[in-house]
PDB file of all heavy atoms in Angstrom:
ATOM      1  N   PHE A   1      97.903 102.094 113.200  1.00  0.00           N
ATOM      2  CA  PHE A   1      96.453 101.964 113.042  1.00  0.00           C
ATOM      3  C   PHE A   1      96.101 101.851 111.556  1.00  0.00           C
ATOM      4  O   PHE A   1      96.896 102.212 110.678  1.00  0.00           O
ATOM      5  CB  PHE A   1      95.710 103.146 113.679  1.00  0.00           C
ATOM      6  CG  PHE A   1      95.827 104.440 112.923  1.00  0.00           C
ATOM      7  CD1 PHE A   1      94.913 104.782 111.932  1.00  0.00           C
ATOM      8  CD2 PHE A   1      96.865 105.332 113.206  1.00  0.00           C
ATOM      9  CE1 PHE A   1      95.021 105.981 111.238  1.00  0.00           C
ATOM     10  CE2 PHE A   1      96.987 106.525 112.510  1.00  0.00           C
ATOM     11  CZ  PHE A   1      96.061 106.854 111.519  1.00  0.00           C
ATOM     12  N   CYS A   2      94.913 101.362 111.288  1.00  0.00           N
ATOM     13  CA  CYS A   2      94.404 101.311 109.916  1.00  0.00           C
ATOM     14  C   CYS A   2      92.947 101.744 109.898  1.00  0.00           C
ATOM     15  O   CYS A   2      92.237 101.651 110.914  1.00  0.00           O
ATOM     16  CB  CYS A   2      94.564  99.912 109.317  1.00  0.00           C
ATOM     17  SG  CYS A   2      93.462  98.680 110.008  1.00  0.00           S
ATOM     18  N   LEU A   3      92.511 102.251 108.740  1.00  0.00           N
ATOM     19  CA  LEU A   3      91.115 102.605 108.519  1.00  0.00           C
ATOM     20  C   LEU A   3      90.470 101.519 107.660  1.00  0.00           C
ATOM     21  O   LEU A   3      90.890 101.289 106.529  1.00  0.00           O
ATOM     22  CB  LEU A   3      90.995 103.953 107.799  1.00  0.00           C
ATOM     23  CG  LEU A   3      91.609 105.184 108.473  1.00  0.00           C
ATOM     24  CD1 LEU A   3      91.399 106.419 107.607  1.00  0.00           C
ATOM     25  CD2 LEU A   3      90.998 105.405 109.854  1.00  0.00           C
ATOM     26  N   MET A   4      89.457 100.867 108.191  1.00  0.00           N
ATOM     27  CA  MET A   4      88.725  99.845 107.454  1.00  0.00           C
ATOM     28  C   MET A   4      87.426 100.454 106.930  1.00  0.00           C
ATOM     29  O   MET A   4      86.635 101.002 107.696  1.00  0.00           O
ATOM     30  CB  MET A   4      88.406  98.664 108.368  1.00  0.00           C
ATOM     31  CG  MET A   4      87.570  97.572 107.723  1.00  0.00           C
ATOM     32  SD  MET A   4      88.506  96.571 106.569  1.00  0.00           S
ATOM     33  CE  MET A   4      89.419  95.528 107.723  1.00  0.00           C
ATOM     34  N   ASP A   5      87.227 100.401 105.601  1.00  0.00           N
ATOM     35  CA  ASP A   5      86.016 100.931 104.985  1.00  0.00           C
ATOM     36  C   ASP A   5      84.892  99.920 105.180  1.00  0.00           C
ATOM     37  O   ASP A   5      84.848  98.878 104.528  1.00  0.00           O
ATOM     38  CB  ASP A   5      86.258 101.180 103.493  1.00  0.00           C
ATOM     39  CG  ASP A   5      85.079 101.866 102.817  1.00  0.00           C
ATOM     40  OD1 ASP A   5      84.032 102.018 103.461  1.00  0.00           O
ATOM     41  OD2 ASP A   5      85.204 102.236 101.632  1.00  0.00           O
ATOM     42  N   MET A   6      83.964 100.207 106.087  1.00  0.00           N
ATOM     43  CA  MET A   6      82.899  99.270 106.402  1.00  0.00           C
ATOM     44  C   MET A   6      81.804  99.276 105.337  1.00  0.00           C
ATOM     45  O   MET A   6      81.020  98.334 105.252  1.00  0.00           O
ATOM     46  CB  MET A   6      82.285  99.615 107.772  1.00  0.00           C
ATOM     47  CG  MET A   6      83.309  99.698 108.892  1.00  0.00           C
ATOM     48  SD  MET A   6      84.282  98.182 109.081  1.00  0.00           S
ATOM     49  CE  MET A   6      83.015  97.076 109.709  1.00  0.00           C
ATOM     50  N   SER A   7      81.724 100.341 104.532  1.00  0.00           N
ATOM     51  CA  SER A   7      80.692 100.430 103.501  1.00  0.00           C
ATOM     52  C   SER A   7      81.063  99.626 102.268  1.00  0.00           C
ATOM     53  O   SER A   7      80.210  98.984 101.645  1.00  0.00           O
ATOM     54  CB  SER A   7      80.460 101.897 103.107  1.00  0.00           C
ATOM     55  OG  SER A   7      80.068 102.661 104.222  1.00  0.00           O
ATOM     56  N   ARG A   8      82.336  99.661 101.881  1.00  0.00           N
ATOM     57  CA  ARG A   8      82.766  99.020 100.636  1.00  0.00           C
ATOM     58  C   ARG A   8      83.663  97.821 100.874  1.00  0.00           C
ATOM     59  O   ARG A   8      83.876  97.011  99.988  1.00  0.00           O
ATOM     60  CB  ARG A   8      83.504 100.041  99.758  1.00  0.00           C
ATOM     61  CG  ARG A   8      82.641 101.243  99.398  1.00  0.00           C
ATOM     62  CD  ARG A   8      83.484 102.368  98.823  1.00  0.00           C
ATOM     63  NE  ARG A   8      82.701 103.555  98.602  1.00  0.00           N
ATOM     64  CZ  ARG A   8      82.385 104.428  99.547  1.00  0.00           C
ATOM     65  NH1 ARG A   8      82.803 104.229 100.788  1.00  0.00           N
ATOM     66  NH2 ARG A   8      81.658 105.484  99.264  1.00  0.00           N
ATOM     67  N   GLY A   9      84.222  97.726 102.072  1.00  0.00           N
ATOM     68  CA  GLY A   9      85.139  96.638 102.397  1.00  0.00           C
ATOM     69  C   GLY A   9      86.573  97.003 102.058  1.00  0.00           C
ATOM     70  O   GLY A   9      86.840  97.784 101.148  1.00  0.00           O
ATOM     71  N   GLY A  10      87.502  96.462 102.797  1.00  0.00           N
ATOM     72  CA  GLY A  10      88.916  96.670 102.520  1.00  0.00           C
ATOM     73  C   GLY A  10      89.546  97.718 103.413  1.00  0.00           C
ATOM     74  O   GLY A  10      88.876  98.570 103.998  1.00  0.00           O
ATOM     75  N   ILE A  11      90.884  97.638 103.526  1.00  0.00           N
ATOM     76  CA  ILE A  11      91.645  98.606 104.319  1.00  0.00           C
ATOM     77  C   ILE A  11      91.980  99.800 103.442  1.00  0.00           C
ATOM     78  O   ILE A  11      92.626  99.667 102.406  1.00  0.00           O
ATOM     79  CB  ILE A  11      92.931  97.963 104.867  1.00  0.00           C
ATOM     80  CG1 ILE A  11      92.560  96.860 105.871  1.00  0.00           C
ATOM     81  CG2 ILE A  11      93.826  99.002 105.533  1.00  0.00           C
ATOM     82  CD1 ILE A  11      93.743  96.088 106.397  1.00  0.00           C
ATOM     83  N   THR A  12      91.513 100.960 103.847  1.00  0.00           N
ATOM     84  CA  THR A  12      91.709 102.191 103.077  1.00  0.00           C
ATOM     85  C   THR A  12      93.070 102.815 103.350  1.00  0.00           C
ATOM     86  O   THR A  12      93.720 103.344 102.449  1.00  0.00           O
ATOM     87  CB  THR A  12      90.617 103.205 103.437  1.00  0.00           C
ATOM     88  OG1 THR A  12      89.352 102.631 103.141  1.00  0.00           O
ATOM     89  CG2 THR A  12      90.790 104.494 102.662  1.00  0.00           C
ATOM     90  N   TYR A  13      93.493 102.763 104.603  1.00  0.00           N
ATOM     91  CA  TYR A  13      94.754 103.405 104.988  1.00  0.00           C
ATOM     92  C   TYR A  13      95.414 102.579 106.074  1.00  0.00           C
ATOM     93  O   TYR A  13      94.756 102.128 107.020  1.00  0.00           O
ATOM     94  CB  TYR A  13      94.496 104.827 105.493  1.00  0.00           C
ATOM     95  CG  TYR A  13      95.737 105.512 106.031  1.00  0.00           C
ATOM     96  CD1 TYR A  13      96.691 106.052 105.173  1.00  0.00           C
ATOM     97  CD2 TYR A  13      95.957 105.605 107.407  1.00  0.00           C
ATOM     98  CE1 TYR A  13      97.839 106.657 105.680  1.00  0.00           C
ATOM     99  CE2 TYR A  13      97.087 106.220 107.915  1.00  0.00           C
ATOM    100  CZ  TYR A  13      98.033 106.739 107.039  1.00  0.00           C
ATOM    101  OH  TYR A  13      99.162 107.340 107.532  1.00  0.00           O
ATOM    102  N   ASP A  14      96.721 102.390 105.931  1.00  0.00           N
ATOM    103  CA  ASP A  14      97.511 101.678 106.936  1.00  0.00           C
ATOM    104  C   ASP A  14      98.672 102.588 107.334  1.00  0.00           C
ATOM    105  O   ASP A  14      99.515 102.924 106.502  1.00  0.00           O
ATOM    106  CB  ASP A  14      98.024 100.354 106.354  1.00  0.00           C
ATOM    107  CG  ASP A  14      98.661  99.474 107.413  1.00  0.00           C
ATOM    108  OD1 ASP A  14      98.581  99.826 108.597  1.00  0.00           O
ATOM    109  OD2 ASP A  14      99.246  98.443 107.045  1.00  0.00           O
ATOM    110  N   SER A  15      98.673 103.010 108.583  1.00  0.00           N
ATOM    111  CA  SER A  15      99.678 103.990 109.019  1.00  0.00           C
ATOM    112  C   SER A  15     101.053 103.343 109.159  1.00  0.00           C
ATOM    113  O   SER A  15     101.190 102.119 109.263  1.00  0.00           O
ATOM    114  CB  SER A  15      99.277 104.592 110.367  1.00  0.00           C
ATOM    115  OG  SER A  15      99.512 103.666 111.412  1.00  0.00           O
ATOM    116  N   ASN A  16     102.083 104.175 109.203  1.00  0.00           N
ATOM    117  CA  ASN A  16     103.407 103.706 109.572  1.00  0.00           C
ATOM    118  C   ASN A  16     103.437 103.467 111.082  1.00  0.00           C
ATOM    119  O   ASN A  16     102.607 103.997 111.831  1.00  0.00           O
ATOM    120  CB  ASN A  16     104.462 104.747 109.199  1.00  0.00           C
ATOM    121  CG  ASN A  16     104.605 104.903 107.700  1.00  0.00           C
ATOM    122  OD1 ASN A  16     104.554 103.923 106.964  1.00  0.00           O
ATOM    123  ND2 ASN A  16     104.771 106.141 107.240  1.00  0.00           N
ATOM    124  N   ILE A  17     104.414 102.673 111.523  1.00  0.00           N
ATOM    125  CA  ILE A  17     104.539 102.449 112.961  1.00  0.00           C
ATOM    126  C   ILE A  17     105.056 103.713 113.638  1.00  0.00           C
ATOM    127  O   ILE A  17     105.820 104.488 113.057  1.00  0.00           O
ATOM    128  CB  ILE A  17     105.460 101.254 113.272  1.00  0.00           C
ATOM    129  CG1 ILE A  17     106.862 101.480 112.692  1.00  0.00           C
ATOM    130  CG2 ILE A  17     104.859  99.958 112.756  1.00  0.00           C
ATOM    131  CD1 ILE A  17     107.868 100.432 113.151  1.00  0.00           C
ATOM    132  N   VAL A  18     104.585 103.936 114.847  1.00  0.00           N
ATOM    133  CA  VAL A  18     104.996 105.101 115.630  1.00  0.00           C
ATOM    134  C   VAL A  18     105.599 104.593 116.941  1.00  0.00           C
ATOM    135  O   VAL A  18     104.929 103.859 117.690  1.00  0.00           O
ATOM    136  CB  VAL A  18     103.797 106.024 115.930  1.00  0.00           C
ATOM    137  CG1 VAL A  18     104.237 107.196 116.801  1.00  0.00           C
ATOM    138  CG2 VAL A  18     103.150 106.499 114.646  1.00  0.00           C
ATOM    139  N   LYS A  19     106.852 104.968 117.204  1.00  0.00           N
ATOM    140  CA  LYS A  19     107.483 104.561 118.447  1.00  0.00           C
ATOM    141  C   LYS A  19     106.880 105.340 119.608  1.00  0.00           C
ATOM    142  O   LYS A  19     106.708 106.557 119.541  1.00  0.00           O
ATOM    143  CB  LYS A  19     108.990 104.798 118.384  1.00  0.00           C
ATOM    144  CG  LYS A  19     109.751 104.233 119.587  1.00  0.00           C
ATOM    145  CD  LYS A  19     111.259 104.383 119.413  1.00  0.00           C
ATOM    146  CE  LYS A  19     112.001 103.791 120.603  1.00  0.00           C
ATOM    147  NZ  LYS A  19     113.468 103.902 120.461  1.00  0.00           N
ATOM    148  N   VAL A  20     106.533 104.642 120.680  1.00  0.00           N
ATOM    149  CA  VAL A  20     105.886 105.292 121.818  1.00  0.00           C
ATOM    150  C   VAL A  20     106.603 104.891 123.115  1.00  0.00           C
ATOM    151  O   VAL A  20     107.324 103.901 123.159  1.00  0.00           O
ATOM    152  CB  VAL A  20     104.390 104.906 121.909  1.00  0.00           C
ATOM    153  CG1 VAL A  20     103.622 105.465 120.726  1.00  0.00           C
ATOM    154  CG2 VAL A  20     104.207 103.390 121.986  1.00  0.00           C
ATOM    155  N   SER A  21     106.341 105.667 124.135  1.00  0.00           N
ATOM    156  CA  SER A  21     106.948 105.404 125.440  1.00  0.00           C
ATOM    157  C   SER A  21     106.076 104.438 126.236  1.00  0.00           C
ATOM    158  O   SER A  21     104.863 104.637 126.347  1.00  0.00           O
ATOM    159  CB  SER A  21     107.091 106.717 126.220  1.00  0.00           C
ATOM    160  OG  SER A  21     107.403 106.459 127.576  1.00  0.00           O
ATOM    161  N   PRO A  22     106.668 103.411 126.817  1.00  0.00           N
ATOM    162  CA  PRO A  22     105.884 102.490 127.655  1.00  0.00           C
ATOM    163  C   PRO A  22     105.262 103.181 128.861  1.00  0.00           C
ATOM    164  O   PRO A  22     104.279 102.698 129.411  1.00  0.00           O
ATOM    165  CB  PRO A  22     106.920 101.444 128.097  1.00  0.00           C
ATOM    166  CG  PRO A  22     108.007 101.522 127.079  1.00  0.00           C
ATOM    167  CD  PRO A  22     108.065 102.975 126.675  1.00  0.00           C
ATOM    168  N   LYS A  23     105.813 104.320 129.256  1.00  0.00           N
ATOM    169  CA  LYS A  23     105.338 105.004 130.456  1.00  0.00           C
ATOM    170  C   LYS A  23     104.197 105.974 130.186  1.00  0.00           C
ATOM    171  O   LYS A  23     103.349 106.202 131.038  1.00  0.00           O
ATOM    172  CB  LYS A  23     106.497 105.767 131.114  1.00  0.00           C
ATOM    173  CG  LYS A  23     107.616 104.852 131.623  1.00  0.00           C
ATOM    174  CD  LYS A  23     108.723 105.657 132.263  1.00  0.00           C
ATOM    175  CE  LYS A  23     109.831 104.750 132.785  1.00  0.00           C
ATOM    176  NZ  LYS A  23     110.929 105.533 133.418  1.00  0.00           N
ATOM    177  N   LYS A  24     104.172 106.560 128.972  1.00  0.00           N
ATOM    178  CA  LYS A  24     103.175 107.598 128.688  1.00  0.00           C
ATOM    179  C   LYS A  24     101.774 107.024 128.553  1.00  0.00           C
ATOM    180  O   LYS A  24     100.787 107.632 128.965  1.00  0.00           O
ATOM    181  CB  LYS A  24     103.559 108.347 127.410  1.00  0.00           C
ATOM    182  CG  LYS A  24     102.732 109.595 127.186  1.00  0.00           C
ATOM    183  CD  LYS A  24     103.239 110.386 125.988  1.00  0.00           C
ATOM    184  CE  LYS A  24     102.396 111.643 125.816  1.00  0.00           C
ATOM    185  NZ  LYS A  24     102.829 112.431 124.636  1.00  0.00           N
ATOM    186  N   GLU A  25     101.631 105.898 127.904  1.00  0.00           N
ATOM    187  CA  GLU A  25     100.409 105.111 127.814  1.00  0.00           C
ATOM    188  C   GLU A  25      99.310 105.716 126.948  1.00  0.00           C
ATOM    189  O   GLU A  25      98.165 105.267 127.000  1.00  0.00           O
ATOM    190  CB  GLU A  25      99.858 104.787 129.213  1.00  0.00           C
ATOM    191  CG  GLU A  25     100.820 103.940 130.031  1.00  0.00           C
ATOM    192  CD  GLU A  25     100.228 103.438 131.323  1.00  0.00           C
ATOM    193  OE1 GLU A  25      99.139 103.927 131.704  1.00  0.00           O
ATOM    194  OE2 GLU A  25     100.843 102.567 131.963  1.00  0.00           O
ATOM    195  N   GLU A  26      99.611 106.717 126.138  1.00  0.00           N
ATOM    196  CA  GLU A  26      98.656 107.181 125.125  1.00  0.00           C
ATOM    197  C   GLU A  26      99.379 108.020 124.078  1.00  0.00           C
ATOM    198  O   GLU A  26     100.403 108.645 124.351  1.00  0.00           O
ATOM    199  CB  GLU A  26      97.499 107.973 125.734  1.00  0.00           C
ATOM    200  CG  GLU A  26      97.827 109.335 126.250  1.00  0.00           C
ATOM    201  CD  GLU A  26      96.567 110.095 126.687  1.00  0.00           C
ATOM    202  OE1 GLU A  26      95.678 109.481 127.315  1.00  0.00           O
ATOM    203  OE2 GLU A  26      96.471 111.302 126.399  1.00  0.00           O
ATOM    204  N   VAL A  27      98.836 108.007 122.848  1.00  0.00           N
ATOM    205  CA  VAL A  27      99.376 108.806 121.755  1.00  0.00           C
ATOM    206  C   VAL A  27      98.198 109.306 120.928  1.00  0.00           C
ATOM    207  O   VAL A  27      97.227 108.580 120.701  1.00  0.00           O
ATOM    208  CB  VAL A  27     100.377 107.989 120.899  1.00  0.00           C
ATOM    209  CG1 VAL A  27      99.722 106.735 120.331  1.00  0.00           C
ATOM    210  CG2 VAL A  27     100.951 108.836 119.781  1.00  0.00           C
ATOM    211  N   LYS A  28      98.266 110.574 120.490  1.00  0.00           N
ATOM    212  CA  LYS A  28      97.148 111.199 119.781  1.00  0.00           C
ATOM    213  C   LYS A  28      97.438 111.286 118.283  1.00  0.00           C
ATOM    214  O   LYS A  28      98.570 111.468 117.858  1.00  0.00           O
ATOM    215  CB  LYS A  28      96.888 112.599 120.346  1.00  0.00           C
ATOM    216  CG  LYS A  28      96.463 112.605 121.803  1.00  0.00           C
ATOM    217  CD  LYS A  28      96.242 114.022 122.316  1.00  0.00           C
ATOM    218  CE  LYS A  28      95.828 114.014 123.785  1.00  0.00           C
ATOM    219  NZ  LYS A  28      95.640 115.394 124.310  1.00  0.00           N
ATOM    220  N   PHE A  29      96.348 111.196 117.492  1.00  0.00           N
ATOM    221  CA  PHE A  29      96.444 111.280 116.037  1.00  0.00           C
ATOM    222  C   PHE A  29      95.389 112.250 115.503  1.00  0.00           C
ATOM    223  O   PHE A  29      94.307 112.384 116.073  1.00  0.00           O
ATOM    224  CB  PHE A  29      96.218 109.910 115.387  1.00  0.00           C
ATOM    225  CG  PHE A  29      97.278 108.896 115.708  1.00  0.00           C
ATOM    226  CD1 PHE A  29      97.150 108.072 116.827  1.00  0.00           C
ATOM    227  CD2 PHE A  29      98.397 108.760 114.910  1.00  0.00           C
ATOM    228  CE1 PHE A  29      98.118 107.136 117.130  1.00  0.00           C
ATOM    229  CE2 PHE A  29      99.375 107.830 115.203  1.00  0.00           C
ATOM    230  CZ  PHE A  29      99.235 107.015 116.317  1.00  0.00           C
TER     231      PHE A  29
END
């Protein structure tokens, strides 16, 4: 995921990839 600053423009934070299970179907942050 990434955080886009809508007030000033630009991507503020870009997360690393997180491996997930195809069966679980959700991941929390």
